[in-house]
Amino acid sequence: MRWRLCFPVLFAFCSVYGQQPTQRRIDSLHQVTSLAGTPYSLSNTYAQLALVYQAGGRPDSARHYLGLLGNLFADNRKDHTIASRYFMTAGLYFQRKGDLREALPYMISALEYLDAVEPDPSYGEQLLTIGNTHLSLGNPVSAADYHSRALRVFEKSGNARGQSRSLRGLGMGLLEQGEYHEAETYLQSALRLQDVVNDARETLAIRSGMAKAYAGMGRYETSADFYERALSQAEAMKLTPEAVKILYALGMLHTARKNPEQAKRYLLQGLSMAYVSGDSVMMTRIKTSLAVVSTSRRHGTDAEKTLVDNVVAATTDTNVRSLPDAYYTLAQWYAEHKQYEKAFTQLHAYLQLNDTVHRKEALAQYRELEARYAQKKVADDSVTLTATNQVQALERELQGLTAQRNYLTAAVLLVVLLTGLGALLYYRRSTRARKSEKVPDTKAPTPRPRATAQGAPAPSPSPRPTPRPGPAESKAVQPAVGSSEGTHSREVVVTTPNPRVVGSSE
């Protein structure tokens, strides 16, 4: 269902509203964005990062991720889930920034996309948000319309938390119109639902609204009781802005009851908290109320009136020490004239404001040191980053030189290999050429028999030829033949017949 798709944005808003986001949460969200995801999952992460960064006081980062979410919407205009998520997130962003008139058009646009399907909890939440925005803008009639529609949606779905918030919105709208009895009815119904829901922040808001309703009806004791219970709850939850507003309301309540000393006690306590938290709007309102309370006590001698006037003037002084000093001077005057009860009251105001000033100055020094440390850290990070970049550049250069060296080595090896291969081929070719040539035998050749004339005997292979008789005259030949007997020689007589010439005539 669509409400399951759209609800994560509202859950992220509720989980981070009024709380400082942790770095672990931010890191986990960034880890999600680093992974490949669908436009739906990315839009959910971008929406949460925008709200978390805004709650953490980092508006630039919040705007960046809101812009990324807007880009996703521009690329997926037909997806009602992404569209409604973008407009809801933008509306919440401008609402928390204080630009309610800028936020309202985005909220209404988100409602148009949610209205395309059957109403669900996301639809009711958006109706409730628009109603609260109209209420903050001073439009209680328009706010009541949206709160009534939200109440019907939550009643249909059985959402007790949504019903309680819608009823409180209706009650607060009636308070703005002065309808205190009707407002009490709605606020009582909302408070009864808290027995089931048990939402501490919502209970605090309902009690403050009921206190205002009882004050409007003139039931000051009941109103003070609800304010005190709401103040205890705000202080326990460490909700300083809510506590300052309740203290201011208690001061104004006691002022209406003609109890200036009690009113001043609450106003001074609220002023101390406003000083420390840096809430300039509440500081101005409380100082104005203190001036009214002090003026209402302008009686007695001229000296006392002058000192009271100094207190009133100090409420508008930009010097934070002027107001506690004015109370201290007035306390001394009362002590000198033995009006110890009044002196104690003024001295208590001085001590409370003086402690507040010291705390504020200490906080300013702490923030200055923190900012200085942050700047130094940024500078150190910059130096570290520069050194890291230089190291990386050197590593890249070394890698380039290594690659170049490897290339040259490979080239040289290739040349040597090719040269050796060429020499080997040349040597093999030369060897084959030499073997193919005919080389003469160095041994003495075996004598071949020569052709002789007809009738001539062939020479005997024996070194000792046997003499054969013939009719012709013999011719004595004395060849020198080496025998195996050393120096002895013998005469050999060979008788050769007259040769006959082939081809001659007889």
Protein backbone atom coordinates (compact mmCIF):
# COMPACT_ATOMS: atom_id res chain seq x y z
CA MET A 1 0.00 0.00 0.00
CA ARG A 2 1.03 3.57 -0.58
CA TRP A 3 1.14 4.53 3.08
CA ARG A 4 3.91 1.98 3.60
CA LEU A 5 5.92 3.68 0.91
CA CYS A 6 5.43 7.24 2.11
CA PHE A 7 5.59 6.70 5.87
CA PRO A 8 9.45 6.53 6.15
CA VAL A 9 9.69 10.30 5.53
CA LEU A 10 7.32 11.07 8.38
CA PHE A 11 9.07 8.53 10.59
CA ALA A 12 12.42 10.16 9.85
CA PHE A 13 10.98 13.56 10.73
CA CYS A 14 9.51 12.32 14.00
CA SER A 15 12.71 10.51 14.93
CA VAL A 16 15.03 13.49 14.41
CA TYR A 17 12.76 16.42 15.31
CA GLY A 18 14.14 18.23 18.31
CA GLN A 19 17.14 15.91 18.61
CA GLN A 20 20.75 16.19 17.61
CA PRO A 21 21.53 13.64 14.91
CA THR A 22 24.37 11.27 15.62
CA GLN A 23 27.31 10.90 13.30
CA ARG A 24 26.68 7.16 13.22
CA ARG A 25 23.24 7.76 11.76
CA ILE A 26 24.65 10.10 9.12
CA ASP A 27 27.39 7.62 8.22
CA SER A 28 24.86 4.81 7.86
CA LEU A 29 22.73 6.92 5.53
CA HIS A 30 25.76 7.85 3.44
CA GLN A 31 26.64 4.18 3.21
CA VAL A 32 23.19 3.54 1.78
CA THR A 33 23.63 6.27 -0.84
CA SER A 34 26.96 4.79 -1.90
CA LEU A 35 25.20 1.57 -2.87
CA ALA A 36 23.29 1.29 -6.11
CA GLY A 37 19.58 1.57 -5.39
CA THR A 38 16.22 2.29 -6.93
CA PRO A 39 14.91 5.86 -7.19
CA TYR A 40 12.44 4.98 -4.42
CA SER A 41 15.15 3.92 -1.95
CA LEU A 42 17.38 6.85 -2.88
CA SER A 43 14.53 9.32 -2.41
CA ASN A 44 13.88 7.89 1.06
CA THR A 45 17.56 8.25 2.01
CA TYR A 46 17.85 11.77 0.58
CA ALA A 47 14.74 12.85 2.51
CA GLN A 48 16.14 11.52 5.79
CA LEU A 49 19.57 13.10 5.21
CA ALA A 50 17.99 16.49 4.47
CA LEU A 51 16.01 16.43 7.74
CA VAL A 52 18.86 15.01 9.81
CA TYR A 53 21.34 17.60 8.59
CA GLN A 54 18.82 20.39 9.19
CA ALA A 55 18.22 19.16 12.74
CA GLY A 56 21.99 19.08 13.24
CA GLY A 57 22.40 22.73 12.25
CA ARG A 58 24.04 22.07 8.88
CA PRO A 59 21.77 23.91 6.42
CA ASP A 60 24.10 23.66 3.43
CA SER A 61 24.13 19.87 3.58
CA ALA A 62 20.35 19.84 4.14
CA ARG A 63 19.77 21.97 1.04
CA HIS A 64 22.13 19.77 -0.96
CA TYR A 65 20.19 16.57 -0.29
CA LEU A 66 16.87 18.34 -0.69
CA GLY A 67 18.13 19.36 -4.14
CA LEU A 68 19.08 15.76 -4.94
CA LEU A 69 15.58 14.70 -3.92
CA GLY A 70 14.17 17.38 -6.22
CA ASN A 71 16.25 16.03 -9.09
CA LEU A 72 14.81 12.55 -8.50
CA PHE A 73 11.32 14.03 -8.57
CA ALA A 74 12.08 15.81 -11.85
CA ASP A 75 13.19 12.50 -13.39
CA ASN A 76 10.24 10.52 -11.98
CA ARG A 77 7.28 12.89 -12.11
CA LYS A 78 4.80 10.08 -12.74
CA ASP A 79 5.82 8.29 -9.54
CA HIS A 80 3.40 9.59 -6.88
CA THR A 81 5.50 8.14 -4.08
CA ILE A 82 8.66 10.07 -4.98
CA ALA A 83 6.63 13.19 -5.77
CA SER A 84 4.77 13.21 -2.45
CA ARG A 85 7.99 12.44 -0.58
CA TYR A 86 9.74 15.40 -2.18
CA PHE A 87 6.93 17.85 -1.43
CA MET A 88 6.48 16.59 2.14
CA THR A 89 10.20 16.86 2.83
CA ALA A 90 10.40 20.35 1.31
CA GLY A 91 7.40 21.43 3.37
CA LEU A 92 8.94 20.13 6.59
CA TYR A 93 12.27 21.72 5.68
CA PHE A 94 10.77 25.20 5.28
CA GLN A 95 8.51 24.73 8.29
CA ARG A 96 11.42 23.94 10.58
CA LYS A 97 13.33 26.80 9.04
CA GLY A 98 10.54 29.15 10.09
CA ASP A 99 9.33 29.97 6.57
CA LEU A 100 5.76 28.79 7.10
CA ARG A 101 4.32 30.66 4.13
CA GLU A 102 7.00 29.10 1.94
CA ALA A 103 6.29 25.67 3.39
CA LEU A 104 2.51 25.71 2.90
CA PRO A 105 2.46 25.37 -0.95
CA TYR A 106 4.76 22.34 -0.78
CA MET A 107 2.56 20.71 1.84
CA ILE A 108 -0.58 21.23 -0.24
CA SER A 109 1.19 19.85 -3.35
CA ALA A 110 2.12 16.72 -1.40
CA LEU A 111 -1.51 16.38 -0.36
CA GLU A 112 -2.59 16.45 -4.02
CA TYR A 113 -0.36 13.49 -4.83
CA LEU A 114 -1.51 11.58 -1.74
CA ASP A 115 -5.12 12.34 -2.59
CA ALA A 116 -4.80 10.27 -5.78
CA VAL A 117 -5.35 7.10 -3.78
CA GLU A 118 -7.56 6.04 -0.92
CA PRO A 119 -6.81 8.08 2.25
CA ASP A 120 -4.26 6.40 4.52
CA PRO A 121 -2.11 7.38 7.56
CA SER A 122 0.30 9.38 5.38
CA TYR A 123 -2.64 11.32 4.04
CA GLY A 124 -3.86 12.02 7.58
CA GLU A 125 -0.38 13.09 8.73
CA GLN A 126 -0.16 15.57 5.88
CA LEU A 127 -3.60 16.98 6.72
CA LEU A 128 -2.48 17.37 10.32
CA THR A 129 0.75 19.11 9.29
CA ILE A 130 -1.10 21.58 7.07
CA GLY A 131 -3.58 22.30 9.88
CA ASN A 132 -0.75 23.02 12.36
CA THR A 133 0.93 25.29 9.84
CA HIS A 134 -2.29 27.28 9.33
CA LEU A 135 -2.61 27.51 13.10
CA SER A 136 0.93 28.89 13.42
CA LEU A 137 0.16 31.43 10.69
CA GLY A 138 -2.86 32.66 12.68
CA ASN A 139 -5.51 31.02 10.48
CA PRO A 140 -7.54 29.02 13.05
CA VAL A 141 -10.54 28.56 10.74
CA SER A 142 -8.46 27.00 7.95
CA ALA A 143 -6.57 24.99 10.54
CA ALA A 144 -9.82 23.57 11.95
CA ASP A 145 -10.83 22.35 8.48
CA TYR A 146 -7.63 20.33 8.01
CA HIS A 147 -7.65 19.08 11.62
CA SER A 148 -11.24 17.83 11.24
CA ARG A 149 -10.36 15.99 8.02
CA ALA A 150 -7.31 14.45 9.69
CA LEU A 151 -9.43 13.34 12.65
CA ARG A 152 -11.85 11.50 10.33
CA VAL A 153 -8.97 9.72 8.59
CA PHE A 154 -7.41 8.61 11.88
CA GLU A 155 -10.73 7.51 13.32
CA LYS A 156 -11.34 5.38 10.24
CA SER A 157 -7.94 3.69 10.58
CA GLY A 158 -8.11 3.44 14.37
CA ASN A 159 -4.93 5.48 14.87
CA ALA A 160 -5.17 6.74 18.50
CA ARG A 161 -2.01 8.82 18.27
CA GLY A 162 -3.29 10.65 15.22
CA GLN A 163 -6.67 11.19 16.85
CA SER A 164 -5.06 12.74 19.94
CA ARG A 165 -2.98 15.14 17.86
CA SER A 166 -5.97 16.11 15.72
CA LEU A 167 -8.10 16.78 18.81
CA ARG A 168 -5.36 18.91 20.33
CA GLY A 169 -5.12 20.87 17.08
CA LEU A 170 -8.86 21.54 17.14
CA GLY A 171 -8.64 22.60 20.78
CA MET A 172 -5.74 24.99 20.15
CA GLY A 173 -7.60 26.53 17.22
CA LEU A 174 -10.60 27.21 19.48
CA LEU A 175 -8.29 28.79 22.06
CA GLU A 176 -7.09 31.22 19.40
CA GLN A 177 -10.70 32.18 18.81
CA GLY A 178 -11.44 32.62 22.52
CA GLU A 179 -13.71 29.57 22.72
CA TYR A 180 -12.24 28.29 25.99
CA HIS A 181 -15.02 25.90 27.05
CA GLU A 182 -15.17 24.19 23.64
CA ALA A 183 -11.39 24.05 23.60
CA GLU A 184 -11.37 22.34 27.01
CA THR A 185 -13.68 19.62 25.65
CA TYR A 186 -11.37 18.73 22.76
CA LEU A 187 -8.25 18.93 24.93
CA GLN A 188 -9.76 16.68 27.60
CA SER A 189 -10.59 14.10 24.91
CA ALA A 190 -7.03 14.28 23.63
CA LEU A 191 -5.64 13.86 27.17
CA ARG A 192 -7.76 10.75 27.75
CA LEU A 193 -6.29 9.17 24.63
CA GLN A 194 -2.83 9.65 26.12
CA ASP A 195 -3.62 6.88 28.59
CA VAL A 196 -3.35 4.58 25.55
CA VAL A 197 -0.75 6.41 23.50
CA ASN A 198 1.52 7.59 26.35
CA ASP A 199 3.35 10.22 24.27
CA ALA A 200 5.24 12.47 26.72
CA ARG A 201 5.73 15.37 24.30
CA GLU A 202 2.09 15.29 23.24
CA THR A 203 0.94 15.14 26.87
CA LEU A 204 3.09 18.21 27.61
CA ALA A 205 1.49 20.14 24.75
CA ILE A 206 -2.05 19.15 25.84
CA ARG A 207 -1.42 20.21 29.44
CA SER A 208 -0.09 23.58 28.31
CA GLY A 209 -3.19 24.04 26.15
CA MET A 210 -5.53 23.14 29.02
CA ALA A 211 -3.71 25.55 31.34
CA LYS A 212 -4.30 28.30 28.81
CA ALA A 213 -7.96 27.35 28.52
CA TYR A 214 -8.47 27.48 32.30
CA ALA A 215 -6.66 30.80 32.49
CA GLY A 216 -9.03 32.16 29.85
CA MET A 217 -11.96 30.97 31.94
CA GLY A 218 -10.49 32.67 35.04
CA ARG A 219 -9.69 29.42 36.81
CA TYR A 220 -6.17 30.53 37.79
CA GLU A 221 -5.45 27.85 40.38
CA THR A 222 -6.30 25.05 37.97
CA SER A 223 -4.36 26.82 35.25
CA ALA A 224 -1.28 27.19 37.48
CA ASP A 225 -1.51 23.51 38.43
CA PHE A 226 -1.49 22.40 34.76
CA TYR A 227 1.38 24.81 34.00
CA GLU A 228 3.45 23.49 36.92
CA ARG A 229 2.92 19.88 35.84
CA ALA A 230 3.85 20.78 32.26
CA LEU A 231 6.96 22.65 33.51
CA SER A 232 8.15 19.65 35.53
CA GLN A 233 7.71 17.43 32.50
CA ALA A 234 9.58 19.85 30.19
CA GLU A 235 12.49 20.15 32.62
CA ALA A 236 12.65 16.36 33.04
CA MET A 237 12.77 15.95 29.27
CA LYS A 238 15.29 18.84 28.96
CA LEU A 239 13.08 20.68 26.51
CA THR A 240 14.42 24.20 27.10
CA PRO A 241 12.27 26.09 24.55
CA GLU A 242 9.06 24.61 25.97
CA ALA A 243 10.23 25.31 29.53
CA VAL A 244 10.94 28.97 28.70
CA LYS A 245 7.48 29.41 27.21
CA ILE A 246 5.80 27.81 30.23
CA LEU A 247 7.78 30.01 32.64
CA TYR A 248 6.76 33.08 30.67
CA ALA A 249 3.12 31.94 30.78
CA LEU A 250 3.35 31.43 34.56
CA GLY A 251 4.82 34.90 34.95
CA MET A 252 1.98 36.43 32.96
CA LEU A 253 -0.55 34.36 34.92
CA HIS A 254 0.73 35.71 38.25
CA THR A 255 0.85 39.19 36.80
CA ALA A 256 -2.87 38.88 36.00
CA ARG A 257 -3.43 37.66 39.55
CA LYS A 258 -1.74 40.81 40.94
CA ASN A 259 1.17 38.85 42.37
CA PRO A 260 4.20 40.74 40.95
CA GLU A 261 6.85 39.10 43.14
CA GLN A 262 5.80 35.61 42.10
CA ALA A 263 5.50 36.76 38.49
CA LYS A 264 9.02 38.20 38.58
CA ARG A 265 10.40 34.95 39.96
CA TYR A 266 9.08 32.94 37.00
CA LEU A 267 10.05 35.61 34.48
CA LEU A 268 13.61 35.81 35.78
CA GLN A 269 13.92 32.03 35.66
CA GLY A 270 12.64 32.06 32.09
CA LEU A 271 15.01 34.90 31.20
CA SER A 272 17.97 32.88 32.51
CA MET A 273 17.04 29.93 30.30
CA ALA A 274 16.49 32.21 27.31
CA TYR A 275 19.92 33.79 27.85
CA VAL A 276 21.66 30.43 27.87
CA SER A 277 19.70 28.95 24.95
CA GLY A 278 20.09 32.13 22.90
CA ASP A 279 16.33 32.53 22.32
CA SER A 280 16.31 36.23 21.48
CA VAL A 281 12.55 36.34 20.83
CA MET A 282 11.67 35.05 24.29
CA MET A 283 14.36 37.24 25.88
CA THR A 284 12.68 40.33 24.45
CA ARG A 285 9.21 39.23 25.54
CA ILE A 286 10.34 38.36 29.06
CA LYS A 287 12.26 41.64 29.48
CA THR A 288 9.19 43.55 28.38
CA SER A 289 7.08 41.68 30.93
CA LEU A 290 9.68 42.35 33.66
CA ALA A 291 9.48 46.06 32.85
CA VAL A 292 5.69 45.91 33.22
CA VAL A 293 5.98 44.08 36.56
CA SER A 294 8.58 46.54 37.84
CA THR A 295 6.48 49.54 36.73
CA SER A 296 3.48 48.16 38.62
CA ARG A 297 5.60 48.37 41.78
CA ARG A 298 6.66 51.97 41.34
CA HIS A 299 5.64 53.35 44.72
CA GLY A 300 7.39 54.69 47.78
CA THR A 301 10.11 57.32 47.89
CA ASP A 302 11.63 59.02 44.89
CA ALA A 303 14.90 57.15 45.41
CA GLU A 304 13.10 53.80 45.23
CA LYS A 305 11.21 54.87 42.09
CA THR A 306 14.47 55.92 40.48
CA LEU A 307 16.08 52.55 41.20
CA VAL A 308 13.03 50.71 39.88
CA ASP A 309 13.20 52.85 36.72
CA ASN A 310 16.83 51.78 36.34
CA VAL A 311 15.71 48.15 36.43
CA VAL A 312 13.09 48.85 33.76
CA ALA A 313 15.63 50.66 31.57
CA ALA A 314 18.14 47.82 31.97
CA THR A 315 15.68 45.37 30.42
CA THR A 316 16.25 47.00 27.02
CA ASP A 317 20.00 47.49 27.44
CA THR A 318 22.20 45.47 25.10
CA ASN A 319 24.78 45.00 27.85
CA VAL A 320 23.91 41.71 29.53
CA ARG A 321 25.39 42.90 32.85
CA SER A 322 23.17 45.96 33.14
CA LEU A 323 20.09 44.12 34.38
CA PRO A 324 21.76 42.07 37.17
CA ASP A 325 23.68 45.19 38.30
CA ALA A 326 20.43 47.17 38.48
CA TYR A 327 18.86 44.48 40.68
CA TYR A 328 21.94 44.41 42.91
CA THR A 329 21.81 48.18 43.45
CA LEU A 330 18.11 47.99 44.31
CA ALA A 331 18.78 45.10 46.73
CA GLN A 332 21.45 47.17 48.52
CA TRP A 333 19.06 50.10 48.87
CA TYR A 334 16.36 47.86 50.44
CA ALA A 335 18.93 46.33 52.81
CA GLU A 336 20.12 49.79 53.93
CA HIS A 337 16.51 50.77 54.68
CA LYS A 338 15.93 47.46 56.54
CA GLN A 339 13.38 46.16 54.03
CA TYR A 340 14.99 42.77 54.12
CA GLU A 341 12.23 40.81 52.40
CA LYS A 342 12.37 43.06 49.35
CA ALA A 343 16.16 43.09 49.52
CA PHE A 344 16.21 39.30 49.47
CA THR A 345 13.90 39.22 46.44
CA GLN A 346 16.10 41.63 44.47
CA LEU A 347 19.28 39.89 45.58
CA HIS A 348 17.84 36.55 44.44
CA ALA A 349 17.11 38.11 41.04
CA TYR A 350 20.66 39.48 40.89
CA LEU A 351 22.27 36.14 41.73
CA GLN A 352 20.09 34.29 39.24
CA LEU A 353 20.83 36.72 36.41
CA ASN A 354 24.51 37.06 37.33
CA ASP A 355 24.96 33.29 37.20
CA THR A 356 23.20 33.29 33.87
CA VAL A 357 25.56 35.96 32.50
CA HIS A 358 28.59 34.02 33.70
CA ARG A 359 27.25 30.84 32.14
CA LYS A 360 26.54 32.68 28.91
CA GLU A 361 30.06 34.14 28.82
CA ALA A 362 31.56 30.74 29.59
CA LEU A 363 29.44 29.21 26.85
CA ALA A 364 30.60 31.91 24.42
CA GLN A 365 34.23 31.18 25.31
CA TYR A 366 33.63 27.49 24.89
CA ARG A 367 32.06 28.01 21.49
CA GLU A 368 34.93 30.27 20.48
CA LEU A 369 37.45 27.62 21.48
CA GLU A 370 35.38 24.99 19.72
CA ALA A 371 35.27 27.09 16.55
CA ARG A 372 39.00 27.70 16.79
CA TYR A 373 39.62 24.00 17.24
CA ALA A 374 37.36 23.27 14.29
CA GLN A 375 39.31 25.74 12.14
CA LYS A 376 42.60 24.21 13.26
CA LYS A 377 41.24 20.77 12.53
CA VAL A 378 40.19 21.91 9.06
CA ALA A 379 43.65 23.38 8.51
CA ASP A 380 45.32 20.18 9.74
CA ASP A 381 43.01 18.12 7.58
CA SER A 382 43.92 20.35 4.64
CA VAL A 383 47.64 19.85 5.29
CA THR A 384 47.09 16.13 5.70
CA LEU A 385 45.06 16.06 2.52
CA THR A 386 47.76 18.00 0.67
CA ALA A 387 50.45 15.63 1.95
CA THR A 388 48.28 12.67 1.03
CA ASN A 389 47.75 14.09 -2.46
CA GLN A 390 51.49 14.64 -2.83
CA VAL A 391 52.21 11.09 -1.71
CA GLN A 392 49.60 9.79 -4.11
CA ALA A 393 51.10 11.92 -6.89
CA LEU A 394 54.56 10.54 -6.12
CA GLU A 395 53.15 7.03 -6.07
CA ARG A 396 51.52 7.62 -9.43
CA GLU A 397 54.77 9.05 -10.79
CA LEU A 398 56.70 6.09 -9.40
CA GLN A 399 54.17 3.74 -10.94
CA GLY A 400 54.62 5.56 -14.24
CA LEU A 401 58.40 5.29 -14.02
CA THR A 402 58.11 1.64 -13.05
CA ALA A 403 55.83 0.99 -15.99
CA GLN A 404 58.21 2.88 -18.27
CA ARG A 405 61.16 0.89 -16.92
CA ASN A 406 59.28 -2.36 -17.40
CA TYR A 407 58.41 -1.31 -20.94
CA LEU A 408 62.03 -0.49 -21.78
CA THR A 409 63.23 -3.74 -20.19
CA ALA A 410 60.69 -5.69 -22.19
CA ALA A 411 61.69 -3.85 -25.37
CA VAL A 412 65.39 -4.59 -24.78
CA LEU A 413 64.65 -8.24 -24.05
CA LEU A 414 62.56 -8.42 -27.20
CA VAL A 415 65.38 -6.95 -29.29
CA VAL A 416 67.91 -9.34 -27.75
CA LEU A 417 65.57 -12.26 -28.33
CA LEU A 418 64.95 -11.32 -31.93
CA THR A 419 68.67 -10.80 -32.51
CA GLY A 420 69.56 -14.18 -31.01
CA LEU A 421 66.83 -15.88 -33.00
CA GLY A 422 68.14 -14.29 -36.20
CA ALA A 423 71.68 -15.39 -35.45
CA LEU A 424 70.51 -18.91 -34.72
CA LEU A 425 68.60 -19.10 -38.00
CA TYR A 426 71.60 -17.73 -39.92
CA TYR A 427 73.90 -20.28 -38.29
CA ARG A 428 71.61 -23.18 -39.16
CA ARG A 429 71.27 -21.99 -42.74
CA SER A 430 75.07 -21.65 -43.16
CA THR A 431 75.64 -25.09 -41.70
CA ARG A 432 73.23 -26.69 -44.13
CA ALA A 433 74.88 -24.87 -47.07
CA ARG A 434 78.33 -26.15 -46.12
CA LYS A 435 77.13 -29.70 -45.77
CA SER A 436 75.48 -29.60 -49.20
CA GLU A 437 78.82 -28.79 -50.91
CA LYS A 438 81.04 -31.88 -52.15
CA VAL A 439 84.30 -32.11 -50.24
CA PRO A 440 87.24 -34.24 -51.91
CA ASP A 441 88.50 -37.35 -50.04
CA THR A 442 91.91 -36.87 -48.50
CA LYS A 443 92.79 -40.60 -48.79
CA ALA A 444 94.94 -41.96 -51.78
CA PRO A 445 92.65 -43.31 -54.48
CA THR A 446 92.71 -46.99 -55.40
CA PRO A 447 94.50 -47.44 -58.79
CA ARG A 448 92.26 -48.60 -61.54
CA PRO A 449 93.58 -51.09 -64.24
CA ARG A 450 94.55 -49.45 -67.52
CA ALA A 451 93.53 -50.80 -70.87
CA THR A 452 96.41 -52.70 -72.61
CA ALA A 453 97.13 -53.83 -76.13
CA GLN A 454 95.60 -57.06 -77.42
CA GLY A 455 97.36 -60.08 -76.11
CA ALA A 456 99.13 -58.12 -73.36
CA PRO A 457 98.73 -59.67 -69.90
CA ALA A 458 97.30 -57.63 -67.04
CA PRO A 459 99.73 -56.69 -64.32
CA SER A 460 99.74 -59.02 -61.43
CA PRO A 461 98.49 -57.65 -58.16
CA SER A 462 101.34 -59.37 -56.53
CA PRO A 463 104.45 -57.29 -55.97
CA ARG A 464 106.45 -60.27 -57.25
CA PRO A 465 105.32 -60.96 -60.83
CA THR A 466 106.11 -64.48 -62.20
CA PRO A 467 108.33 -64.36 -65.29
CA ARG A 468 106.82 -65.79 -68.40
CA PRO A 469 108.99 -66.92 -71.36
CA GLY A 470 108.61 -65.26 -74.66
CA PRO A 471 110.33 -65.30 -78.09
CA ALA A 472 111.38 -61.68 -78.00
CA GLU A 473 114.51 -60.33 -76.56
CA SER A 474 114.36 -59.69 -72.90
CA LYS A 475 115.25 -56.36 -71.39
CA ALA A 476 116.64 -56.25 -67.96
CA VAL A 477 114.84 -53.78 -65.58
CA GLN A 478 116.06 -53.17 -62.12
CA PRO A 479 113.33 -51.56 -60.14
CA ALA A 480 114.00 -50.56 -56.55
CA VAL A 481 111.47 -52.48 -54.58
CA GLY A 482 111.45 -52.33 -50.81
CA SER A 483 111.15 -55.73 -49.22
CA SER A 484 110.30 -56.78 -45.79
CA GLU A 485 113.84 -58.07 -45.44
CA GLY A 486 115.47 -54.71 -45.17
CA THR A 487 118.33 -53.76 -47.42
CA HIS A 488 118.54 -56.87 -49.60
CA SER A 489 117.47 -56.46 -53.24
CA ARG A 490 117.03 -58.89 -56.01
CA GLU A 491 117.10 -58.67 -59.79
CA VAL A 492 113.85 -59.33 -61.50
CA VAL A 493 113.86 -60.19 -65.17
CA VAL A 494 110.63 -59.49 -66.99
CA THR A 495 110.16 -60.74 -70.57
CA THR A 496 107.65 -58.60 -72.47
CA PRO A 497 106.40 -59.56 -75.98
CA ASN A 498 106.31 -57.08 -78.77
CA PRO A 499 103.09 -55.08 -78.40
CA ARG A 500 100.60 -55.09 -81.11
CA VAL A 501 99.03 -51.80 -82.01
CA VAL A 502 95.23 -51.91 -82.40
CA GLY A 503 94.20 -50.67 -85.78
CA SER A 504 97.63 -51.04 -87.58
CA SER A 505 98.07 -52.95 -90.81
CA GLU A 506 100.22 -56.14 -90.92
